[in-house]
């Protein structure tokens, strides 16, 4: 399940059979098997039942995972939309890994590639150039998503602790699963880890799939990105996807007062207590474009 960083030739992420060494095939297979097993684990809700503690664990873990992905993996590691200390940088990386969406280097490299090739044939998760299935979940199970370009994440790869966490990205989710079991037994494990993890996965994937098909376009971007209120609510603000593609380096994706962006509110709160700084917002000219 480790995600070693290796360079690719050209601008496509798709490896050939000769390029893909046997260890990569094993790692890809293991990642796919674990991903599917997490989904199968949700069926255990019929055995454990449900109570207030289980639902609380599910909601709390979902929020932790989504914050790690949205405020951490996406807005910080992928787009550097604010600055923070090296210690808190590791905390954000750990929270992102708890969502079991691999490591910060892999995630950032995949996302930066998406922005460079959005809705073209090279975009691994585009419902426009590929299919709705491929954009939502197929790309995760595909060998195409295994290799990444180290040159695109040189700013992150210089931190050995991030490289370590990227390689052992399964440690945070295992620890989260253990905490859920300690807090609520088998029911806590099923609802707090398996159910919340599946929900956070598919909420994240909806930005790839739904937000390139359904919604409205405020800005004339070169891709098919759209703003979608429902996805924004489920993902703590990521659903304002057309806004994001219009000005990618902004810490806020809800550009209007009524565009709810919980991740940005949290980033502003962290800025108030000094944990982050240099929070970037779009200039007025961009907002009015």
Foldseek 3Di string as FASTA:
>chain_A
DFQDADADPDLALADDPVVQDPVLVVVLVVLLVVVVVLQVLLVCCVVVPDDPLLQVLLVVLLVLQLLLVQLQLAQPQQQNLWFFDPVVNLVSQLSPLLLVPAGSVLSNQLVNSCLVQPLHCRNQQACNNPNLCRNQPVSSSDSSSRYGHVVSRVVPVVDVSRSVCRRVSVVSNVVQLVVQCVSPNPSSNNRNRSVSSVLSSRLVSCQRRVQQPDADAPDDAPGSGHADLVSCVSSQGCRLPNQCSLPVNASHSPPDPPRGHRSSVVVVVCVVVPRIGNRDHDDPVSVVD
